[in-house]
Amino acid sequence: TCALPICSLIVFLTHAMDELQLKDAVLPLRALSPPHLVLVACLRNVRLEERGRLQPQSDLEAIRIGAANVFLLQQARAISELNASGLRVLDVLPHQLTGELVSQYLEIKARQLL
């Protein structure tokens, strides 16, 4: 056990693609909190995000875009559930990761959570 209420910051970086992968990957981390502070950084799939914003030019493209958006909605739902479970969660595109991790760390330190 730790002498401090929070022992350490654990950052878990994942590119889990679907709801089940995300839950399976993160479920063991819940057992670490407390005494540790867990931050889960979920990297979004750039190509999937781009596809979800396209305007379909054919029926086949409409199906592909619809499937991408269903997938993105499931990911968002899973990430929302992780947030609700008490874990800190970042949901970011890869190019946003460094800045968001630094921001989270500074917020954690400013709030004296570590």
Protein backbone atom coordinates (compact mmCIF):
# COMPACT_ATOMS: atom_id res chain seq x y z
CA THR A 1 0.00 0.00 0.00
CA CYS A 2 1.00 3.63 -0.49
CA ALA A 3 1.51 6.31 2.11
CA LEU A 4 -0.21 8.86 -0.14
CA PRO A 5 -3.88 8.65 -1.13
CA ILE A 6 -2.83 8.40 -4.79
CA CYS A 7 0.38 6.46 -5.47
CA SER A 8 1.02 7.08 -9.14
CA LEU A 9 -0.38 8.16 -12.46
CA ILE A 10 -0.87 5.27 -14.86
CA VAL A 11 -1.30 6.24 -18.51
CA PHE A 12 -2.78 3.56 -20.74
CA LEU A 13 -2.51 4.30 -24.45
CA THR A 14 -4.81 2.30 -26.71
CA HIS A 15 -5.97 2.14 -30.27
CA ALA A 16 -8.80 -0.27 -29.38
CA MET A 17 -11.07 -0.37 -32.36
CA ASP A 18 -14.46 -1.43 -31.06
CA GLU A 19 -16.58 -1.40 -27.95
CA LEU A 20 -15.58 -4.89 -26.82
CA GLN A 21 -11.86 -4.40 -27.39
CA LEU A 22 -11.95 -1.13 -25.48
CA LYS A 23 -13.80 -2.62 -22.52
CA ASP A 24 -11.57 -5.72 -22.42
CA ALA A 25 -8.41 -3.64 -22.58
CA VAL A 26 -9.44 -1.21 -19.87
CA LEU A 27 -11.39 -3.43 -17.46
CA PRO A 28 -8.29 -4.53 -15.50
CA LEU A 29 -7.30 -0.88 -15.02
CA ARG A 30 -10.39 -0.22 -12.91
CA ALA A 31 -8.92 -2.44 -10.21
CA LEU A 32 -5.91 -0.09 -9.96
CA SER A 33 -8.01 2.96 -9.16
CA PRO A 34 -7.71 3.73 -6.25
CA PRO A 35 -5.00 3.99 -5.03
CA HIS A 36 -3.60 4.91 -8.45
CA LEU A 37 -4.91 7.56 -10.81
CA VAL A 38 -5.59 5.99 -14.21
CA LEU A 39 -5.66 7.98 -17.44
CA VAL A 40 -6.78 6.12 -20.57
CA ALA A 41 -5.76 7.75 -23.85
CA CYS A 42 -7.85 6.40 -26.74
CA LEU A 43 -6.45 7.22 -30.15
CA ARG A 44 -9.05 7.79 -32.82
CA ASN A 45 -8.68 6.23 -36.25
CA VAL A 46 -8.01 9.12 -38.65
CA ARG A 47 -9.21 7.33 -41.77
CA LEU A 48 -12.42 6.19 -40.07
CA GLU A 49 -13.12 9.72 -38.85
CA GLU A 50 -12.57 11.06 -42.36
CA ARG A 51 -14.82 8.42 -43.91
CA GLY A 52 -17.60 9.19 -41.43
CA ARG A 53 -17.67 12.82 -42.62
CA LEU A 54 -17.89 12.05 -46.36
CA GLN A 55 -20.97 12.67 -48.44
CA PRO A 56 -21.96 9.48 -50.28
CA GLN A 57 -21.78 9.46 -54.07
CA SER A 58 -23.29 5.98 -54.45
CA ASP A 59 -25.37 3.44 -52.55
CA LEU A 60 -22.28 1.38 -51.74
CA GLU A 61 -20.49 4.46 -50.41
CA ALA A 62 -23.55 5.32 -48.30
CA ILE A 63 -23.39 1.87 -46.71
CA ARG A 64 -19.66 2.24 -45.97
CA ILE A 65 -20.10 5.70 -44.51
CA GLY A 66 -23.06 4.51 -42.44
CA ALA A 67 -21.02 1.59 -41.09
CA ALA A 68 -18.16 3.94 -40.18
CA ASN A 69 -20.55 6.20 -38.30
CA VAL A 70 -22.13 3.29 -36.41
CA PHE A 71 -18.65 2.17 -35.40
CA LEU A 72 -17.71 5.70 -34.28
CA LEU A 73 -20.93 5.95 -32.27
CA GLN A 74 -20.16 2.65 -30.51
CA GLN A 75 -16.67 3.88 -29.67
CA ALA A 76 -18.06 7.14 -28.30
CA ARG A 77 -20.56 5.21 -26.17
CA ALA A 78 -17.83 2.95 -24.77
CA ILE A 79 -15.61 5.93 -23.97
CA SER A 80 -18.52 7.66 -22.25
CA GLU A 81 -19.05 4.56 -20.10
CA LEU A 82 -15.37 4.56 -19.15
CA ASN A 83 -15.65 8.20 -18.10
CA ALA A 84 -18.73 7.39 -16.05
CA SER A 85 -16.86 4.54 -14.32
CA GLY A 86 -14.44 7.03 -12.78
CA LEU A 87 -11.47 6.64 -15.09
CA ARG A 88 -9.99 9.71 -16.73
CA VAL A 89 -10.29 9.25 -20.48
CA LEU A 90 -8.86 11.15 -23.42
CA ASP A 91 -10.46 10.55 -26.82
CA VAL A 92 -8.08 12.15 -29.29
CA LEU A 93 -6.67 12.04 -32.79
CA PRO A 94 -3.00 11.00 -32.85
CA HIS A 95 -1.72 14.52 -33.58
CA GLN A 96 -3.58 15.81 -30.48
CA LEU A 97 -2.14 13.25 -28.06
CA THR A 98 0.97 15.07 -26.78
CA GLY A 99 -0.81 18.34 -26.04
CA GLU A 100 -3.76 16.63 -24.38
CA LEU A 101 -1.54 14.42 -22.21
CA VAL A 102 0.45 17.44 -21.05
CA SER A 103 -2.78 19.35 -20.33
CA GLN A 104 -4.19 16.46 -18.32
CA TYR A 105 -0.99 16.09 -16.34
CA LEU A 106 -0.88 19.80 -15.52
CA GLU A 107 -4.54 19.73 -14.46
CA ILE A 108 -3.91 16.71 -12.24
CA LYS A 109 -0.93 18.42 -10.61
CA ALA A 110 -2.79 21.74 -10.22
CA ARG A 111 -5.65 19.95 -8.48
CA GLN A 112 -3.10 18.10 -6.32
CA LEU A 113 -4.48 14.71 -7.27
CA LEU A 114 -0.96 13.21 -7.20
